[in-house]
Amino acid sequence: MNILIETITATDPTKRDRSFYELAKSLSAKELLKHLRELDDFRKATPSLYDKVRAILFLYAGFRFFLQEAPATPAVGKIPYAGFEDLLGRRFEHAISTFLAELDAHGPNAMLFSALADSYHQLSFQTLANQVRKSVRSTKGNQWMFRVGHQDEHPIRIHKALLHRPESSLFYPVLHEHTAVRMDLTHSGWSDIFFLGMDYPEGARVVNLSIDLGVFGRDKDIRPPLHAYVRVIAEPVLRLTSIDLNTTKDVTDLADLFNFGNDYLSLVKAGVIASGLIPPSFEGTGQSLPQLLARIVAPGMGIELVTKVNDIPKGSRFAVSTNLLGCIISLLMRATGQTKNLTGGLDENERRLVASRAILGEWIGGSGGGWQDSGGVWPGIKAIQGTFAQAGDPEFGISRGTLLPRHRVLSGEDIHPEMGERIRNSLVLLHGGMASNVGPILEMVSEKYLLRGEKEWAARQFTNQVFDNILGALKEGDVPKLAANTARNWEYPIKTIIPWASTFFTEEI
């Protein structure tokens, strides 16, 4: 049997977790090419998402790091222009077919192998994105947002309390939502990114704190840093305002709402859509926004949404974008009767629905992130762990785990009664001084997981021990033990999996 296919389909962990690099080194260039062609046929036929994506990453690594570099491969050659156009147009399957046909017709060269590697690499993440969207759409409570096709079918209405204008007031009442940001004590090697958590739920484990922020010596009141406000207005528009970005806009048609590149309000727009106020199924329908608002609110009326982030610098790594999405979504769900209570705490099912819609908003708005990023929606210190897919879950039969994890807020015997205060008195939060694009890092984490590099796989196993140690430190109230484990986690598994995770500034500190 093809050793690459055997590795992907094996149920025995000793075979399943073999390193692709070690397997490829044991094959000649001719044998590897034969195995890769068989693997391409396999990935097209397999119904398993995991098998498909891992096969695509094997194909990428085989062409990029072995066949392209093989001494027998001609260094110079031609790439079919039609395939290159398909690659630029994100038609990756077409590009791969064109490049493989060229390989059959004129033989190998390094340029062609490079083009194939890039096509497979991008196809793998396109496949993952499609599965995340499918899982979010299939989550209970979200399905209707992708099925409603006309304004007359739109089921939600503004809450009656927001339509009752107080006496002697020109304005309708304002509904306010505030949300904490999240900080993690360990993310177990970025284990919350969607595919990793869905394929390896037993290793998807995060300890996550919801925190309010203030500047030491300046702020007397430490408050939640993320705020959103909504009210009814007597104009048939959707008025979106970001105070921290100093921008406001009256959205008058659906085309503008679904255009995320024509202003700085893409995240606010994504929150409006993911909340179900204007569901994603309305994109491209050309329906009238004023008429839609007339159905949701009243004829001639509209909605004003204002967001505010309290002085958090960009690149803070506090998951501001996801938790602001959660804040907007919670607010608009309350305002349209999608929660039991207009004010007060959300119940567990409502929090899970907000988290799934925040993930949807991340994919709609293009800001990225994993499932732990919406942790600010839950209070306190929590252990978040991946769960295995069971009958009835949309992921059942597709992936080993589910899209959404299980959140367990630590209380009682699980945490020392003074631990929150001890962390607060021991922790110094210092901004790293630079924003970075986390997207390429998350892609590399997925690649390294699927290819099972020996050092990286050993480091990932070590993160499970760190997670247990940190839970133990929280239970014992032992701050030095907590600090020792977070430092060990940073120095060994994190830097082993991604050597570029640190910066010169961080190392100097």
Protein backbone atom coordinates (compact mmCIF):
# COMPACT_ATOMS: atom_id res chain seq x y z
CA MET A 1 0.00 0.00 0.00
CA ASN A 2 1.07 3.60 -0.63
CA ILE A 3 2.91 4.56 2.56
CA LEU A 4 1.56 8.13 2.52
CA ILE A 5 -2.07 7.00 2.20
CA GLU A 6 -1.46 4.33 4.86
CA THR A 7 -0.19 7.02 7.25
CA ILE A 8 -3.21 9.26 6.68
CA THR A 9 -5.83 6.52 7.04
CA ALA A 10 -4.20 4.58 9.91
CA THR A 11 -6.06 4.28 13.22
CA ASP A 12 -2.93 3.14 15.06
CA PRO A 13 -1.29 6.32 16.48
CA THR A 14 2.22 4.95 15.85
CA LYS A 15 1.46 4.93 12.11
CA ARG A 16 -0.91 7.90 12.01
CA ASP A 17 1.57 10.22 13.71
CA ARG A 18 4.57 9.37 11.49
CA SER A 19 6.49 12.38 10.24
CA PHE A 20 5.95 13.16 6.56
CA TYR A 21 9.55 14.35 6.29
CA GLU A 22 10.92 11.00 7.48
CA LEU A 23 8.63 9.11 5.07
CA ALA A 24 9.65 11.29 2.11
CA LYS A 25 13.36 10.91 2.89
CA SER A 26 13.03 7.13 2.58
CA LEU A 27 11.77 7.38 -1.04
CA SER A 28 13.62 8.21 -4.26
CA ALA A 29 12.35 11.18 -6.29
CA LYS A 30 10.72 8.81 -8.80
CA GLU A 31 9.02 6.79 -6.05
CA LEU A 32 7.85 9.94 -4.25
CA LEU A 33 6.32 11.38 -7.44
CA LYS A 34 4.45 8.10 -8.01
CA HIS A 35 3.19 8.14 -4.40
CA LEU A 36 2.10 11.78 -4.73
CA ARG A 37 0.11 11.12 -7.92
CA GLU A 38 -1.71 8.28 -6.15
CA LEU A 39 -2.25 10.58 -3.18
CA ASP A 40 -3.85 13.20 -5.46
CA ASP A 41 -6.39 10.60 -6.62
CA PHE A 42 -7.01 9.62 -2.99
CA ARG A 43 -7.69 13.16 -1.77
CA LYS A 44 -10.30 13.67 -4.51
CA ALA A 45 -12.13 10.46 -3.58
CA THR A 46 -12.02 10.49 0.22
CA PRO A 47 -15.14 11.78 2.05
CA SER A 48 -13.10 12.58 5.19
CA LEU A 49 -12.23 16.25 5.69
CA TYR A 50 -9.20 15.34 7.80
CA ASP A 51 -7.85 12.85 5.27
CA LYS A 52 -8.43 15.32 2.44
CA VAL A 53 -6.64 18.25 4.09
CA ARG A 54 -3.73 16.17 5.37
CA ALA A 55 -3.30 14.63 1.90
CA ILE A 56 -3.24 18.10 0.32
CA LEU A 57 -0.56 19.24 2.80
CA PHE A 58 1.50 16.09 2.06
CA LEU A 59 1.26 16.97 -1.65
CA TYR A 60 2.37 20.55 -0.95
CA ALA A 61 5.36 19.48 1.14
CA GLY A 62 6.36 16.70 -1.25
CA PHE A 63 6.48 18.97 -4.29
CA ARG A 64 7.94 21.97 -2.45
CA PHE A 65 10.61 20.50 -0.16
CA PHE A 66 11.60 17.28 -1.92
CA LEU A 67 10.82 17.06 -5.65
CA GLN A 68 11.55 20.73 -6.36
CA GLU A 69 14.92 20.40 -4.60
CA ALA A 70 15.83 16.96 -6.03
CA PRO A 71 19.15 16.96 -7.98
CA ALA A 72 17.50 15.19 -10.93
CA THR A 73 14.83 17.89 -11.32
CA PRO A 74 15.65 20.48 -14.05
CA ALA A 75 15.97 23.88 -12.39
CA VAL A 76 14.45 25.81 -15.31
CA GLY A 77 11.24 25.15 -17.19
CA LYS A 78 7.91 26.56 -18.31
CA ILE A 79 4.62 26.99 -16.44
CA PRO A 80 1.34 26.95 -18.44
CA TYR A 81 -0.05 30.48 -18.44
CA ALA A 82 -3.65 29.19 -18.15
CA GLY A 83 -2.73 27.41 -14.91
CA PHE A 84 -1.04 30.54 -13.58
CA GLU A 85 -4.21 32.55 -14.31
CA ASP A 86 -6.30 29.97 -12.47
CA LEU A 87 -3.93 30.18 -9.50
CA LEU A 88 -4.24 33.98 -9.36
CA GLY A 89 -8.02 33.64 -9.67
CA ARG A 90 -8.09 31.19 -6.70
CA ARG A 91 -9.36 28.38 -8.96
CA PHE A 92 -6.93 25.97 -7.38
CA GLU A 93 -8.43 22.70 -8.63
CA HIS A 94 -8.28 23.96 -12.23
CA ALA A 95 -4.70 25.13 -11.74
CA ILE A 96 -3.63 21.75 -10.35
CA SER A 97 -5.24 19.90 -13.27
CA THR A 98 -3.46 22.15 -15.77
CA PHE A 99 -0.07 21.78 -14.08
CA LEU A 100 -0.40 17.98 -13.80
CA ALA A 101 -1.34 17.77 -17.50
CA GLU A 102 1.81 19.77 -18.30
CA LEU A 103 3.83 17.39 -16.12
CA ASP A 104 2.48 14.39 -18.07
CA ALA A 105 3.08 16.07 -21.45
CA HIS A 106 6.54 17.60 -21.01
CA GLY A 107 8.03 16.09 -17.86
CA PRO A 108 9.12 17.66 -14.57
CA ASN A 109 10.91 20.90 -13.76
CA ALA A 110 11.39 22.89 -10.57
CA MET A 111 9.14 25.74 -11.74
CA LEU A 112 6.24 23.37 -12.35
CA PHE A 113 6.72 21.67 -8.98
CA SER A 114 6.78 25.09 -7.31
CA ALA A 115 3.49 26.04 -9.00
CA LEU A 116 1.91 22.74 -7.91
CA ALA A 117 3.13 23.22 -4.34
CA ASP A 118 1.63 26.72 -4.14
CA SER A 119 -1.68 25.51 -5.58
CA TYR A 120 -1.95 22.68 -3.06
CA HIS A 121 -0.93 24.96 -0.19
CA GLN A 122 -3.66 27.49 -0.92
CA LEU A 123 -6.23 24.76 -1.67
CA SER A 124 -5.71 23.28 1.80
CA PHE A 125 -6.74 26.48 3.58
CA GLN A 126 -9.60 27.12 1.17
CA THR A 127 -10.91 23.64 2.06
CA LEU A 128 -10.59 24.41 5.78
CA ALA A 129 -12.41 27.75 5.39
CA ASN A 130 -15.30 26.08 3.59
CA GLN A 131 -15.67 23.51 6.38
CA VAL A 132 -15.65 26.19 9.10
CA ARG A 133 -18.40 28.10 7.28
CA LYS A 134 -20.40 24.90 6.89
CA SER A 135 -20.06 24.07 10.60
CA VAL A 136 -21.08 27.58 11.66
CA ARG A 137 -24.09 27.48 9.34
CA SER A 138 -25.14 24.09 10.73
CA THR A 139 -25.01 25.21 14.38
CA LYS A 140 -28.44 25.19 16.00
CA GLY A 141 -29.75 28.75 16.14
CA ASN A 142 -27.78 29.86 13.07
CA GLN A 143 -29.47 27.82 10.33
CA TRP A 144 -32.31 30.26 9.70
CA MET A 145 -29.82 33.06 8.86
CA PHE A 146 -28.76 31.17 5.74
CA ARG A 147 -32.25 30.13 4.66
CA VAL A 148 -34.33 33.32 4.85
CA GLY A 149 -34.29 34.80 1.34
CA HIS A 150 -36.74 37.72 1.34
CA GLN A 151 -37.52 40.60 3.67
CA ASP A 152 -41.08 39.30 4.13
CA GLU A 153 -39.61 36.10 5.64
CA HIS A 154 -37.31 37.91 8.09
CA PRO A 155 -38.39 36.68 11.55
CA ILE A 156 -36.86 39.16 14.00
CA ARG A 157 -38.23 42.47 15.30
CA ILE A 158 -36.80 45.21 17.48
CA HIS A 159 -37.61 44.80 21.19
CA LYS A 160 -40.70 46.77 22.26
CA ALA A 161 -38.79 48.44 25.10
CA LEU A 162 -36.53 50.19 22.56
CA LEU A 163 -39.56 51.69 20.77
CA HIS A 164 -40.96 53.33 23.91
CA ARG A 165 -39.67 56.91 23.99
CA PRO A 166 -39.60 58.39 27.52
CA GLU A 167 -41.75 61.44 28.18
CA SER A 168 -40.06 64.80 27.59
CA SER A 169 -37.31 63.09 25.55
CA LEU A 170 -36.54 63.49 21.86
CA PHE A 171 -34.59 60.24 21.76
CA TYR A 172 -35.39 56.55 21.99
CA PRO A 173 -33.73 54.57 24.83
CA VAL A 174 -30.15 53.34 24.46
CA LEU A 175 -29.24 49.70 25.11
CA HIS A 176 -25.63 49.23 26.27
CA GLU A 177 -23.46 46.11 26.27
CA HIS A 178 -19.91 45.83 27.62
CA THR A 179 -17.50 42.93 27.29
CA ALA A 180 -14.12 41.95 28.71
CA VAL A 181 -11.14 40.98 26.58
CA ARG A 182 -9.39 37.62 26.98
CA MET A 183 -5.91 36.64 28.04
CA ASP A 184 -4.64 33.06 27.96
CA LEU A 185 -2.28 31.40 30.43
CA THR A 186 -1.73 28.67 27.84
CA HIS A 187 -3.21 27.98 24.41
CA SER A 188 -1.42 24.60 24.16
CA GLY A 189 0.41 25.52 20.97
CA TRP A 190 -2.38 27.45 19.22
CA SER A 191 -4.61 24.39 19.73
CA ASP A 192 -7.80 26.45 19.37
CA ILE A 193 -7.38 27.15 15.65
CA PHE A 194 -10.33 25.56 13.95
CA PHE A 195 -8.93 22.60 12.09
CA LEU A 196 -6.55 21.57 14.83
CA GLY A 197 -9.33 21.67 17.43
CA MET A 198 -11.70 19.78 15.13
CA ASP A 199 -9.18 17.05 14.31
CA TYR A 200 -7.30 16.77 17.61
CA PRO A 201 -9.88 17.65 20.29
CA GLU A 202 -7.98 15.83 23.04
CA GLY A 203 -5.09 18.30 22.56
CA ALA A 204 -7.24 21.43 22.13
CA ARG A 205 -6.96 22.88 25.64
CA VAL A 206 -6.80 26.50 26.73
CA VAL A 207 -6.79 28.29 30.09
CA ASN A 208 -8.37 31.65 29.45
CA LEU A 209 -9.09 34.70 31.63
CA SER A 210 -11.65 37.44 31.00
CA ILE A 211 -10.06 40.71 32.06
CA ASP A 212 -10.99 44.35 32.44
CA LEU A 213 -8.24 46.88 31.74
CA GLY A 214 -6.95 50.16 33.11
CA VAL A 215 -3.67 52.07 33.06
CA PHE A 216 -1.66 51.76 36.29
CA GLY A 217 -1.63 55.03 38.23
CA ARG A 218 -4.16 56.70 35.92
CA ASP A 219 -7.48 54.87 36.03
CA LYS A 220 -9.33 54.67 39.33
CA ASP A 221 -12.17 52.57 37.93
CA ILE A 222 -11.10 49.43 36.08
CA ARG A 223 -13.88 48.75 33.58
CA PRO A 224 -14.61 46.37 30.70
CA PRO A 225 -12.73 47.80 27.71
CA LEU A 226 -15.26 46.99 24.95
CA HIS A 227 -18.59 48.80 24.63
CA ALA A 228 -21.47 48.82 22.17
CA TYR A 229 -24.66 50.89 22.15
CA VAL A 230 -27.82 50.63 20.05
CA ARG A 231 -30.97 52.73 19.71
CA VAL A 232 -33.82 53.35 17.30
CA ILE A 233 -33.61 56.52 15.17
CA ALA A 234 -36.23 58.34 13.11
CA GLU A 235 -34.37 57.85 9.81
CA PRO A 236 -34.56 54.78 7.51
CA VAL A 237 -30.79 54.09 7.69
CA LEU A 238 -28.35 51.86 9.51
CA ARG A 239 -26.03 54.37 11.22
CA LEU A 240 -22.71 52.77 12.19
CA THR A 241 -20.18 54.62 14.35
CA SER A 242 -16.81 53.64 15.79
CA ILE A 243 -15.70 56.15 18.42
CA ASP A 244 -12.14 54.84 18.73
CA LEU A 245 -11.68 54.88 14.93
CA ASN A 246 -13.34 58.31 14.71
CA THR A 247 -15.58 57.28 11.83
CA THR A 248 -19.32 57.14 11.19
CA LYS A 249 -21.44 56.16 8.21
CA ASP A 250 -25.09 55.97 7.19
CA VAL A 251 -25.60 52.65 5.38
CA THR A 252 -28.56 53.00 3.01
CA ASP A 253 -28.36 49.81 0.91
CA LEU A 254 -27.40 46.16 1.34
CA ALA A 255 -24.55 46.34 -1.18
CA ASP A 256 -22.75 48.83 1.08
CA LEU A 257 -23.36 46.72 4.19
CA PHE A 258 -21.78 43.66 2.54
CA ASN A 259 -18.83 45.65 1.14
CA PHE A 260 -16.02 45.24 3.67
CA GLY A 261 -13.38 47.16 1.76
CA ASN A 262 -14.91 50.61 1.24
CA ASP A 263 -14.56 51.96 4.81
CA TYR A 264 -13.02 51.24 8.23
CA LEU A 265 -16.20 49.68 9.62
CA SER A 266 -15.78 46.12 8.30
CA LEU A 267 -15.83 44.58 11.78
CA VAL A 268 -18.96 46.51 12.80
CA LYS A 269 -20.66 45.46 9.55
CA ALA A 270 -19.67 41.83 10.18
CA GLY A 271 -21.26 42.07 13.64
CA VAL A 272 -24.53 43.39 12.18
CA ILE A 273 -24.64 40.50 9.70
CA ALA A 274 -23.54 37.74 12.11
CA SER A 275 -26.10 38.87 14.72
CA GLY A 276 -28.92 38.09 12.31
CA LEU A 277 -30.15 41.70 12.22
CA ILE A 278 -29.37 41.63 8.49
CA PRO A 279 -28.64 37.92 7.89
CA PRO A 280 -25.87 36.74 5.53
CA SER A 281 -28.42 35.19 3.14
CA PHE A 282 -29.45 38.73 2.07
CA GLU A 283 -26.09 39.36 0.36
CA GLY A 284 -26.52 40.04 -3.36
CA THR A 285 -30.33 39.99 -3.24
CA GLY A 286 -30.69 43.69 -4.12
CA GLN A 287 -33.53 44.17 -1.64
CA SER A 288 -34.29 47.57 -0.14
CA LEU A 289 -32.61 48.25 3.21
CA PRO A 290 -35.20 50.94 4.21
CA GLN A 291 -38.01 48.44 3.57
CA LEU A 292 -36.17 45.80 5.59
CA LEU A 293 -35.69 48.27 8.47
CA ALA A 294 -39.40 49.16 8.23
CA ARG A 295 -40.20 45.49 8.89
CA ILE A 296 -37.67 45.14 11.74
CA VAL A 297 -38.35 48.51 13.43
CA ALA A 298 -41.19 50.58 11.93
CA PRO A 299 -41.84 52.48 8.66
CA GLY A 300 -39.43 55.39 8.25
CA MET A 301 -37.30 54.24 11.19
CA GLY A 302 -33.75 52.93 11.44
CA ILE A 303 -31.08 51.77 13.88
CA GLU A 304 -27.94 53.45 15.23
CA LEU A 305 -25.07 51.27 16.44
CA VAL A 306 -22.05 52.75 18.23
CA THR A 307 -18.90 50.90 19.31
CA LYS A 308 -16.06 52.01 21.58
CA VAL A 309 -12.74 50.35 22.46
CA ASN A 310 -11.04 51.94 25.46
CA ASP A 311 -7.48 52.82 24.41
CA ILE A 312 -6.20 49.31 23.63
CA PRO A 313 -3.21 49.55 21.24
CA LYS A 314 -3.28 47.54 18.04
CA GLY A 315 -1.54 44.19 18.18
CA SER A 316 -2.37 43.74 21.86
CA ARG A 317 -3.10 40.00 21.36
CA PHE A 318 -6.16 40.37 23.63
CA ALA A 319 -8.51 39.23 20.82
CA VAL A 320 -10.12 42.65 20.72
CA SER A 321 -11.71 42.08 17.31
CA THR A 322 -13.43 38.80 18.25
CA ASN A 323 -14.66 40.03 21.62
CA LEU A 324 -15.89 43.30 20.09
CA LEU A 325 -17.79 41.14 17.60
CA GLY A 326 -19.19 39.18 20.55
CA CYS A 327 -20.18 42.46 22.21
CA ILE A 328 -21.98 43.72 19.06
CA ILE A 329 -23.67 40.36 18.47
CA SER A 330 -24.84 40.06 22.11
CA LEU A 331 -26.22 43.60 22.00
CA LEU A 332 -28.12 43.17 18.73
CA MET A 333 -29.43 39.74 19.78
CA ARG A 334 -30.81 41.36 22.95
CA ALA A 335 -32.24 44.28 20.96
CA THR A 336 -34.12 41.93 18.62
CA GLY A 337 -35.48 39.47 21.19
CA GLN A 338 -33.05 36.64 20.41
CA THR A 339 -32.13 36.31 24.12
CA LYS A 340 -34.34 35.60 27.14
CA ASN A 341 -33.45 38.86 28.85
CA LEU A 342 -32.98 42.37 27.51
CA THR A 343 -30.34 43.06 30.19
CA GLY A 344 -28.33 40.95 32.63
CA GLY A 345 -26.26 37.84 32.05
CA LEU A 346 -26.58 35.46 29.12
CA ASP A 347 -27.28 31.78 29.71
CA GLU A 348 -24.86 29.09 28.49
CA ASN A 349 -26.72 28.31 25.26
CA GLU A 350 -26.88 32.03 24.41
CA ARG A 351 -23.14 32.42 25.05
CA ARG A 352 -22.38 29.47 22.78
CA LEU A 353 -24.58 30.98 20.06
CA VAL A 354 -22.78 34.33 20.42
CA ALA A 355 -19.40 32.54 20.19
CA SER A 356 -20.38 30.66 17.02
CA ARG A 357 -21.67 33.86 15.44
CA ALA A 358 -18.47 35.69 16.43
CA ILE A 359 -16.55 32.99 14.54
CA LEU A 360 -18.86 33.60 11.58
CA GLY A 361 -18.18 37.34 11.87
CA GLU A 362 -14.43 36.70 11.85
CA TRP A 363 -14.72 34.76 8.58
CA ILE A 364 -17.10 37.35 7.07
CA GLY A 365 -14.96 40.34 8.05
CA GLY A 366 -11.66 38.58 7.37
CA SER A 367 -9.99 39.24 10.74
CA GLY A 368 -9.27 35.58 11.62
CA GLY A 369 -8.86 33.95 15.02
CA GLY A 370 -9.57 30.74 16.92
CA TRP A 371 -12.36 29.66 19.22
CA GLN A 372 -10.69 30.79 22.43
CA ASP A 373 -10.74 34.39 21.20
CA SER A 374 -14.43 34.76 22.10
CA GLY A 375 -13.58 33.82 25.71
CA GLY A 376 -14.43 37.33 26.93
CA VAL A 377 -18.11 36.43 26.49
CA TRP A 378 -17.72 34.07 29.50
CA PRO A 379 -16.80 35.56 32.90
CA GLY A 380 -13.81 34.73 35.09
CA ILE A 381 -11.11 32.09 34.64
CA LYS A 382 -12.08 29.15 32.48
CA ALA A 383 -10.74 25.92 31.05
CA ILE A 384 -11.80 25.55 27.42
CA GLN A 385 -11.42 22.11 25.85
CA GLY A 386 -12.20 20.52 22.51
CA THR A 387 -15.01 17.97 22.39
CA PHE A 388 -15.46 14.84 20.26
CA ALA A 389 -18.20 15.00 17.63
CA GLN A 390 -21.26 12.91 18.47
CA ALA A 391 -24.41 11.91 16.60
CA GLY A 392 -26.47 15.06 16.03
CA ASP A 393 -23.45 17.38 15.76
CA PRO A 394 -22.96 18.96 12.30
CA GLU A 395 -19.35 17.72 12.33
CA PHE A 396 -20.26 14.08 13.09
CA GLY A 397 -18.77 11.82 10.42
CA ILE A 398 -16.70 14.72 9.01
CA SER A 399 -14.16 15.46 11.73
CA ARG A 400 -13.18 13.91 15.07
CA GLY A 401 -14.07 17.02 17.05
CA THR A 402 -16.62 19.83 16.97
CA LEU A 403 -16.17 23.42 15.86
CA LEU A 404 -17.11 24.82 19.28
CA PRO A 405 -15.37 23.62 22.46
CA ARG A 406 -16.71 23.18 25.99
CA HIS A 407 -16.24 26.15 28.33
CA ARG A 408 -15.86 25.38 32.03
CA VAL A 409 -15.72 28.42 34.32
CA LEU A 410 -13.44 27.42 37.21
CA SER A 411 -15.19 27.60 40.58
CA GLY A 412 -15.45 25.77 43.90
CA GLU A 413 -12.74 23.14 44.36
CA ASP A 414 -11.26 23.81 40.90
CA ILE A 415 -9.72 27.15 41.89
CA HIS A 416 -8.24 28.73 45.01
CA PRO A 417 -10.66 31.36 46.41
CA GLU A 418 -7.95 34.07 46.33
CA MET A 419 -6.45 33.15 42.95
CA GLY A 420 -8.05 36.00 41.00
CA GLU A 421 -6.71 38.55 43.48
CA ARG A 422 -3.26 36.92 43.54
CA ILE A 423 -2.97 37.00 39.75
CA ARG A 424 -4.10 40.63 39.73
CA ASN A 425 -1.43 41.56 42.29
CA SER A 426 1.34 39.58 40.55
CA LEU A 427 0.80 40.25 36.86
CA VAL A 428 2.36 43.07 34.85
CA LEU A 429 0.82 43.57 31.40
CA LEU A 430 3.25 45.22 29.00
CA HIS A 431 2.49 45.97 25.36
CA GLY A 432 4.99 44.40 22.97
CA GLY A 433 5.26 47.56 20.91
CA MET A 434 4.33 46.18 17.52
CA ALA A 435 1.34 44.69 15.73
CA SER A 436 1.91 41.53 13.71
CA ASN A 437 -0.10 39.55 11.20
CA VAL A 438 -0.99 36.33 13.00
CA GLY A 439 -2.50 34.68 9.89
CA PRO A 440 0.75 33.20 8.50
CA ILE A 441 1.66 31.86 11.95
CA LEU A 442 -1.68 30.04 12.24
CA GLU A 443 -1.15 28.59 8.75
CA MET A 444 2.29 27.32 9.76
CA VAL A 445 0.86 25.79 12.95
CA SER A 446 -1.71 23.87 10.87
CA GLU A 447 0.99 22.70 8.44
CA LYS A 448 3.33 21.52 11.18
CA TYR A 449 0.50 19.66 12.90
CA LEU A 450 -0.56 17.85 9.73
CA LEU A 451 2.98 17.02 8.60
CA ARG A 452 3.95 15.76 12.09
CA GLY A 453 7.48 17.12 12.21
CA GLU A 454 9.19 15.15 15.01
CA LYS A 455 10.34 18.12 17.13
CA GLU A 456 7.08 20.01 16.70
CA TRP A 457 4.94 16.95 17.51
CA ALA A 458 6.95 16.25 20.70
CA ALA A 459 6.53 19.91 21.70
CA ARG A 460 2.76 19.70 21.16
CA GLN A 461 2.58 16.66 23.47
CA PHE A 462 4.46 18.66 26.12
CA THR A 463 1.79 21.39 26.06
CA ASN A 464 -0.71 18.87 27.48
CA GLN A 465 1.48 18.52 30.58
CA VAL A 466 1.75 22.32 30.90
CA PHE A 467 -2.05 22.66 30.73
CA ASP A 468 -2.48 20.20 33.61
CA ASN A 469 0.25 21.95 35.65
CA ILE A 470 -1.41 25.35 35.18
CA LEU A 471 -4.80 23.98 36.29
CA GLY A 472 -3.02 22.55 39.34
CA ALA A 473 -1.41 25.91 40.14
CA LEU A 474 -4.79 27.68 39.91
CA LYS A 475 -6.33 25.11 42.25
CA GLU A 476 -3.48 25.46 44.76
CA GLY A 477 -3.28 29.26 44.50
CA ASP A 478 0.44 28.91 43.68
CA VAL A 479 1.54 31.96 41.64
CA PRO A 480 5.26 30.97 41.38
CA LYS A 481 4.21 27.56 39.98
CA LEU A 482 1.89 29.31 37.51
CA ALA A 483 4.70 31.65 36.43
CA ALA A 484 7.22 28.80 36.06
CA ASN A 485 4.86 26.86 33.79
CA THR A 486 3.95 29.83 31.58
CA ALA A 487 7.69 30.57 31.19
CA ARG A 488 8.47 26.91 30.38
CA ASN A 489 5.59 26.85 27.90
CA TRP A 490 6.99 29.92 26.12
CA GLU A 491 10.60 28.76 26.00
CA TYR A 492 10.08 25.19 24.81
CA PRO A 493 6.85 24.22 23.00
CA ILE A 494 5.87 27.63 21.63
CA LYS A 495 9.30 28.48 20.24
CA THR A 496 9.80 24.92 18.97
CA ILE A 497 6.55 24.90 17.01
CA ILE A 498 7.01 28.47 15.72
CA PRO A 499 10.56 29.86 16.18
CA TRP A 500 9.33 33.26 14.93
CA ALA A 501 6.75 33.64 17.72
CA SER A 502 9.00 35.99 19.67
CA THR A 503 10.48 39.40 18.83
CA PHE A 504 13.75 41.12 19.71
CA PHE A 505 11.85 43.53 21.99
CA THR A 506 10.26 40.62 23.89
CA GLU A 507 13.57 38.80 24.27
CA GLU A 508 15.30 41.94 25.58
CA ILE A 509 12.63 42.31 28.29
